[in-house]
Protein backbone atom coordinates (compact mmCIF):
# COMPACT_ATOMS: atom_id res chain seq x y z
CA UNK A 1 26.38 66.43 135.80
CA UNK A 2 29.42 64.34 135.03
CA UNK A 3 32.16 64.66 137.60
CA UNK A 4 35.77 64.63 136.53
CA UNK A 5 38.55 63.52 138.82
CA UNK A 6 41.36 65.94 139.38
CA UNK A 7 44.37 65.14 137.16
CA UNK A 8 47.19 63.31 138.82
CA UNK A 9 50.36 65.36 139.33
CA UNK A 10 52.96 64.79 136.66
CA UNK A 11 56.17 63.32 138.05
CA UNK A 12 59.22 65.17 136.82
CA UNK A 13 61.83 63.18 134.95
CA UNK A 14 65.10 64.97 134.54
CA UNK A 15 68.66 64.74 133.24
CA UNK A 16 71.72 66.50 134.65
CA UNK A 17 74.07 67.76 131.93
CA UNK A 18 77.50 68.93 133.06
CA UNK A 19 80.07 70.81 130.98
CA UNK A 20 83.17 69.60 132.85
CA UNK A 21 85.40 72.23 131.26
CA UNK A 22 83.20 74.95 132.70
CA UNK A 23 82.72 73.53 136.19
CA UNK A 24 86.43 72.70 136.66
CA UNK A 25 87.70 76.02 135.35
CA UNK A 26 85.13 78.11 137.22
CA UNK A 27 85.62 76.21 140.49
CA UNK A 28 89.40 76.49 140.16
CA UNK A 29 89.12 80.25 139.73
CA UNK A 30 86.79 80.51 142.72
CA UNK A 31 88.74 78.30 145.12
CA UNK A 32 92.37 78.71 144.02
CA UNK A 33 92.44 81.70 141.63
CA UNK A 34 93.58 79.30 138.90
CA UNK A 35 91.71 77.47 136.16
CA UNK A 36 94.63 75.16 135.31
CA UNK A 37 93.90 71.59 136.33
CA UNK A 38 97.60 71.14 137.13
CA UNK A 39 97.09 73.37 140.15
CA UNK A 40 94.38 71.27 141.81
CA UNK A 41 92.91 67.81 142.05
CA UNK A 42 89.23 66.96 141.63
CA UNK A 43 87.52 64.06 143.37
CA UNK A 44 84.98 63.68 140.59
CA UNK A 45 82.98 60.67 141.81
CA UNK A 46 81.67 62.25 145.04
CA UNK A 47 81.26 65.55 143.17
CA UNK A 48 78.90 63.85 140.71
CA UNK A 49 77.05 62.22 143.60
CA UNK A 50 76.50 65.48 145.49
CA UNK A 51 75.39 67.29 142.31
CA UNK A 52 72.88 64.49 141.67
CA UNK A 53 71.57 64.70 145.25
CA UNK A 54 71.21 68.49 144.99
CA UNK A 55 69.22 68.10 141.77
CA UNK A 56 66.89 65.59 143.41
CA UNK A 57 66.27 67.94 146.33
CA UNK A 58 65.29 70.75 143.98
CA UNK A 59 63.35 68.95 141.25
CA UNK A 60 61.84 66.08 143.28
CA UNK A 61 61.46 63.65 140.43
CA UNK A 62 63.02 60.68 138.68
CA UNK A 63 66.63 60.96 137.46
CA UNK A 64 67.08 59.69 133.92
CA UNK A 65 70.87 59.98 134.05
CA UNK A 66 73.81 62.34 134.47
CA UNK A 67 75.63 63.36 131.28
CA UNK A 68 79.29 64.18 131.98
CA UNK A 69 80.81 66.08 129.05
CA UNK A 70 84.61 66.11 129.06
CA UNK A 71 87.47 65.99 126.55
CA UNK A 72 90.40 63.65 125.98
CA UNK A 73 93.27 63.39 123.57
CA UNK A 74 91.95 61.57 120.47
CA UNK A 75 88.88 60.79 122.62
CA UNK A 76 90.85 58.11 124.48
CA UNK A 77 89.58 58.28 128.10
CA UNK A 78 91.97 58.82 130.98
CA UNK A 79 91.94 56.56 134.05
CA UNK A 80 89.81 59.09 135.95
CA UNK A 81 87.35 59.30 133.06
CA UNK A 82 87.11 55.52 132.86
CA UNK A 83 86.19 55.40 136.55
CA UNK A 84 83.43 57.96 135.92
CA UNK A 85 82.15 55.97 132.94
CA UNK A 86 81.59 52.96 135.23
CA UNK A 87 79.36 54.88 137.64
CA UNK A 88 75.67 53.92 137.61
CA UNK A 89 73.32 56.43 135.94
CA UNK A 90 76.27 58.36 134.47
CA UNK A 91 76.96 58.72 130.75
CA UNK A 92 80.47 59.90 129.86
CA UNK A 93 80.58 61.96 126.68
CA UNK A 94 84.04 62.80 125.31
CA UNK A 95 85.01 65.52 122.93
CA UNK A 96 88.50 65.75 121.47
CA UNK A 97 91.40 67.53 123.15
CA UNK A 98 93.59 68.85 120.36
CA UNK A 99 97.34 69.50 120.36
CA UNK A 100 96.80 73.03 121.71
CA UNK A 101 94.81 71.79 124.69
CA UNK A 102 91.48 72.99 123.26
CA UNK A 103 88.36 70.88 123.65
CA UNK A 104 86.39 70.28 120.46
CA UNK A 105 82.91 68.89 120.00
CA UNK A 106 81.69 69.16 123.61
CA UNK A 107 79.19 71.98 123.06
CA UNK A 108 77.74 70.18 120.05
CA UNK A 109 77.26 66.99 122.08
CA UNK A 110 75.40 68.85 124.81
CA UNK A 111 73.12 70.52 122.29
CA UNK A 112 72.40 67.27 120.44
CA UNK A 113 71.58 65.34 123.62
CA UNK A 114 69.37 68.04 125.09
CA UNK A 115 67.39 68.46 121.88
CA UNK A 116 67.00 64.69 121.37
CA UNK A 117 65.81 64.09 124.93
CA UNK A 118 63.31 66.91 124.64
CA UNK A 119 62.07 65.86 121.19
CA UNK A 120 61.42 62.28 122.30
CA UNK A 121 59.86 63.50 125.56
CA UNK A 122 62.34 61.48 127.58
CA UNK A 123 62.55 64.27 130.19
CA UNK A 124 60.40 67.03 131.61
CA UNK A 125 63.32 68.97 133.10
CA UNK A 126 67.02 69.43 132.38
CA UNK A 127 69.66 70.67 134.80
CA UNK A 128 72.40 72.33 132.78
CA UNK A 129 75.74 73.22 134.37
CA UNK A 130 77.41 75.38 131.74
CA UNK A 131 78.26 78.95 130.91
CA UNK A 132 78.73 79.20 127.14
CA UNK A 133 76.31 81.22 125.03
CA UNK A 134 76.49 78.41 122.46
CA UNK A 135 74.08 76.54 124.75
CA UNK A 136 71.26 79.03 124.06
CA UNK A 137 69.90 77.30 120.91
CA UNK A 138 69.74 73.99 122.81
CA UNK A 139 67.87 75.62 125.68
CA UNK A 140 65.38 77.22 123.27
CA UNK A 141 64.86 73.95 121.37
CA UNK A 142 64.26 71.98 124.58
CA UNK A 143 61.79 74.58 125.81
CA UNK A 144 59.90 74.41 122.51
CA UNK A 145 59.19 70.74 123.32
CA UNK A 146 57.96 71.65 126.81
CA UNK A 147 61.12 70.94 128.80
CA UNK A 148 62.02 73.21 131.71
CA UNK A 149 65.72 74.11 131.76
CA UNK A 150 67.38 74.81 135.12
CA UNK A 151 70.72 76.54 134.68
CA UNK A 152 73.33 76.08 137.39
CA UNK A 153 76.49 78.10 137.57
CA UNK A 154 79.58 78.33 139.73
CA UNK A 155 79.84 81.31 142.06
CA UNK A 156 82.20 83.76 140.31
CA UNK A 157 84.96 85.34 142.42
CA UNK A 158 84.16 88.57 140.58
CA UNK A 159 82.03 89.62 137.61
CA UNK A 160 80.26 86.74 135.89
CA UNK A 161 81.30 83.43 134.34
CA UNK A 162 78.10 82.68 132.40
CA UNK A 163 76.77 84.27 129.24
CA UNK A 164 74.05 86.77 130.04
CA UNK A 165 71.73 85.50 127.32
CA UNK A 166 72.04 81.92 128.59
CA UNK A 167 70.91 83.13 132.01
CA UNK A 168 67.97 85.01 130.46
CA UNK A 169 66.71 82.06 128.44
CA UNK A 170 66.79 79.50 131.26
CA UNK A 171 63.67 78.82 133.33
CA UNK A 172 65.45 78.90 136.68
CA UNK A 173 68.97 79.81 137.76
CA UNK A 174 70.95 78.45 140.69
CA UNK A 175 74.53 78.97 141.88
CA UNK A 176 76.88 76.42 143.44
CA UNK A 177 79.00 78.29 145.97
CA UNK A 178 82.46 77.72 147.40
CA UNK A 179 81.22 75.75 150.42
CA UNK A 180 79.40 73.32 148.12
CA UNK A 181 82.47 72.72 145.92
CA UNK A 182 85.40 72.93 148.34
CA UNK A 183 85.25 69.33 149.67
CA UNK A 184 85.88 67.95 146.17
CA UNK A 185 88.73 70.21 145.05
CA UNK A 186 92.23 69.97 146.56
CA UNK A 187 95.04 72.38 145.77
CA UNK A 188 98.35 70.89 144.68
CA UNK A 189 100.98 72.47 146.93
CA UNK A 190 103.48 72.23 144.07
CA UNK A 191 101.99 72.43 140.56
CA UNK A 192 102.13 68.90 139.16
CA UNK A 193 103.71 69.32 135.76
CA UNK A 194 103.55 65.59 135.20
CA UNK A 195 99.76 65.40 135.04
CA UNK A 196 98.02 65.58 131.71
CA UNK A 197 95.85 68.64 131.20
CA UNK A 198 93.07 66.39 129.91
CA UNK A 199 89.85 67.59 131.46
CA UNK A 200 91.34 70.88 132.57
CA UNK A 201 90.83 74.15 130.85
CA UNK A 202 92.19 77.70 130.93
CA UNK A 203 90.67 80.76 132.50
CA UNK A 204 87.18 81.38 131.20
CA UNK A 205 87.22 83.47 128.07
CA UNK A 206 90.97 83.14 127.50
CA UNK A 207 93.04 81.04 125.10
CA UNK A 208 93.82 77.52 126.37
CA UNK A 209 97.28 76.76 127.68
CA UNK A 210 99.39 74.61 125.37
CA UNK A 211 100.31 71.29 127.02
CA UNK A 212 103.92 70.21 126.90
CA UNK A 213 105.02 67.10 124.98
CA UNK A 214 105.50 65.29 128.30
CA UNK A 215 101.88 65.97 129.23
CA UNK A 216 100.65 64.73 125.86
CA UNK A 217 102.71 61.56 125.67
CA UNK A 218 102.73 60.49 129.29
CA UNK A 219 106.34 61.06 130.33
CA UNK A 220 106.20 61.96 134.00
CA UNK A 221 108.64 62.86 136.70
CA UNK A 222 108.69 60.71 139.81
CA UNK A 223 107.07 62.11 142.95
CA UNK A 224 109.62 60.26 145.05
CA UNK A 225 112.86 61.94 146.20
CA UNK A 226 114.60 58.58 146.06
CA UNK A 227 114.03 57.85 142.37
CA UNK A 228 116.97 58.06 139.98
CA UNK A 229 117.41 61.09 137.77
CA UNK A 230 115.97 61.24 134.25
CA UNK A 231 115.55 57.77 132.78
CA UNK A 232 114.75 56.67 129.26
CA UNK A 233 111.24 55.37 128.72
CA UNK A 234 110.29 52.25 126.85
CA UNK A 235 107.39 52.09 124.41
CA UNK A 236 105.25 50.62 127.19
CA UNK A 237 105.99 53.49 129.56
CA UNK A 238 108.68 51.58 131.48
CA UNK A 239 111.91 53.08 132.74
CA UNK A 240 115.40 51.64 132.81
CA UNK A 241 117.66 52.13 135.82
CA UNK A 242 120.68 53.66 134.08
CA UNK A 243 124.22 54.19 135.32
CA UNK A 244 125.67 57.73 135.43
CA UNK A 245 126.20 58.95 131.89
CA UNK A 246 123.75 56.38 130.50
CA UNK A 247 124.24 52.89 129.16
CA UNK A 248 126.47 52.23 126.17
CA UNK A 249 127.98 49.10 124.63
CA UNK A 250 131.19 49.83 126.54
CA UNK A 251 129.35 49.82 129.88
CA UNK A 252 130.23 46.81 131.99
CA UNK A 253 127.42 44.27 132.20
CA UNK A 254 124.19 43.84 130.25
CA UNK A 255 121.76 46.65 129.57
CA UNK A 256 119.53 47.15 132.67
CA UNK A 257 116.10 45.56 132.57
CA UNK A 258 113.27 47.99 131.96
CA UNK A 259 110.99 48.73 134.89
CA UNK A 260 107.53 50.31 135.08
CA UNK A 261 106.88 54.01 135.54
CA UNK A 262 105.90 54.75 139.14
CA UNK A 263 103.24 57.34 138.33
CA UNK A 264 101.46 54.99 135.95
CA UNK A 265 101.57 52.17 138.48
CA UNK A 266 100.12 54.39 141.21
CA UNK A 267 97.36 55.63 138.92
CA UNK A 268 96.49 52.02 138.08
CA UNK A 269 96.34 51.17 141.80
CA UNK A 270 93.98 54.07 142.47
CA UNK A 271 91.84 53.16 139.48
CA UNK A 272 91.48 49.53 140.59
CA UNK A 273 90.63 50.66 144.14
CA UNK A 274 87.98 53.08 142.88
CA UNK A 275 86.50 50.38 140.64
CA UNK A 276 86.29 48.00 143.60
CA UNK A 277 84.57 50.63 145.74
CA UNK A 278 81.99 51.26 143.01
CA UNK A 279 81.31 47.63 142.10
CA UNK A 280 81.68 45.82 145.43
CA UNK A 281 80.20 48.40 147.75
CA UNK A 282 81.53 50.17 150.81
CA UNK A 283 80.64 47.34 153.21
CA UNK A 284 82.70 44.78 151.33
CA UNK A 285 85.66 47.14 150.93
CA UNK A 286 85.49 48.01 154.63
CA UNK A 287 86.19 44.35 155.39
CA UNK A 288 89.70 44.85 153.96
CA UNK A 289 90.55 47.57 156.48
CA UNK A 290 92.78 48.59 158.10
CA UNK A 291 95.36 46.97 155.80
CA UNK A 292 98.00 47.12 154.53
CA UNK A 293 98.00 43.34 154.01
CA UNK A 294 95.60 42.07 151.35
CA UNK A 295 94.37 38.47 151.33
CA UNK A 296 96.48 36.55 148.76
CA UNK A 297 93.55 35.98 146.40
CA UNK A 298 92.61 39.67 146.37
CA UNK A 299 96.26 40.74 146.10
CA UNK A 300 96.60 38.60 142.98
CA UNK A 301 93.39 40.08 141.56
CA UNK A 302 94.75 43.59 142.15
CA UNK A 303 97.93 42.66 140.31
CA UNK A 304 96.07 41.15 137.36
CA UNK A 305 93.73 44.14 137.03
CA UNK A 306 96.63 46.59 137.19
CA UNK A 307 98.63 44.67 134.59
CA UNK A 308 95.64 44.80 132.24
CA UNK A 309 95.40 48.53 132.86
CA UNK A 310 99.11 49.10 132.21
CA UNK A 311 99.58 46.59 129.41
CA UNK A 312 102.72 45.16 131.01
CA UNK A 313 103.73 42.66 133.67
CA UNK A 314 104.70 43.84 137.17
CA UNK A 315 105.70 40.42 138.45
CA UNK A 316 109.47 40.82 137.93
CA UNK A 317 109.43 44.14 139.84
CA UNK A 318 108.87 43.86 143.59
CA UNK A 319 109.11 47.62 144.20
CA UNK A 320 106.46 48.30 141.54
CA UNK A 321 104.08 45.87 143.23
CA UNK A 322 104.59 47.78 146.48
CA UNK A 323 103.80 51.07 144.72
CA UNK A 324 100.64 49.42 143.41
CA UNK A 325 99.49 48.25 146.84
CA UNK A 326 100.32 51.61 148.46
CA UNK A 327 98.27 53.49 145.85
CA UNK A 328 95.39 51.05 146.31
CA UNK A 329 95.35 51.59 150.08
CA UNK A 330 95.77 55.35 149.74
CA UNK A 331 92.57 55.52 147.66
CA UNK A 332 90.65 53.19 150.01
CA UNK A 333 91.78 55.09 153.11
CA UNK A 334 90.87 58.41 151.49
CA UNK A 335 87.40 57.03 150.73
CA UNK A 336 86.88 56.12 154.40
CA UNK A 337 88.63 59.18 155.83
CA UNK A 338 91.40 57.36 157.70
CA UNK A 339 95.18 57.61 157.64
CA UNK A 340 97.27 55.73 155.13
CA UNK A 341 99.78 52.98 155.73
CA UNK A 342 102.52 51.44 153.66
CA UNK A 343 102.86 47.93 152.37
CA UNK A 344 106.51 47.87 153.33
CA UNK A 345 108.60 49.06 156.23
């Protein structure tokens, strides 16, 4: 009699597909009773890392990649989204954020990716973090090609935040609770009206909040008590230090030179720091600690990277360069869990 060897176990290969609008809004409701992104801050990079680790513990297979579905005005990525796009094994997918703050095209992207991966047998399993019933056809199509769909949701503070039929159709269901999410969400003590609502969404099932013109076009109030009152903004996002009553031809002296916007400079500093952490590794970044003095070569590199990010020169503005360094160190210190310092006295 011919003997047949037992078949080898099939190694799972999976993708993690995250509807950012759902996870942010649902986590905001759970942790802060608010789904408005202006009310909290999300540390997305470690959140993606812990979600990936949790998926590996459950599925025990090979990760294809993480798909991060978000939205941006005219599909132009924000600084935070650009940092995410540079992460290894992460694919940023952007829908459009329209003038009313509604995301468009995200559900369709999730469906298209899930069906394509299943059809080409690129995965055996899919982890889906979503709540919309529009995902049901994608789940059914993936299952028809033999893919197992694992639905993850966010613990609801009350009731449910996922469509019942989506839960029914999924192969397994898991819930991410408050203790899992809390380390990556920080409440803003004062709602930050200056931040864009890109990537933030209203309470589940309700109409999206309409962003203000300042949120859409980047005009932001300074977080510093010492900054002058309202200042005109240049086309590059720079501010002019204006005398009381504003500048006019009758004002003594030349028109003040335009200076950069502090919020934009600080965001650029954080972005450069995050990029360095991702590309150079924690050991190399640790060599810079405790700061706040950077080696001249690295300080120049920080300045050049930030100027590319901002599209303007910071070299004539000493205070702006200090804002840049402070924001850089704030992000590095937060990464390593130590206190922050200042680049100036």
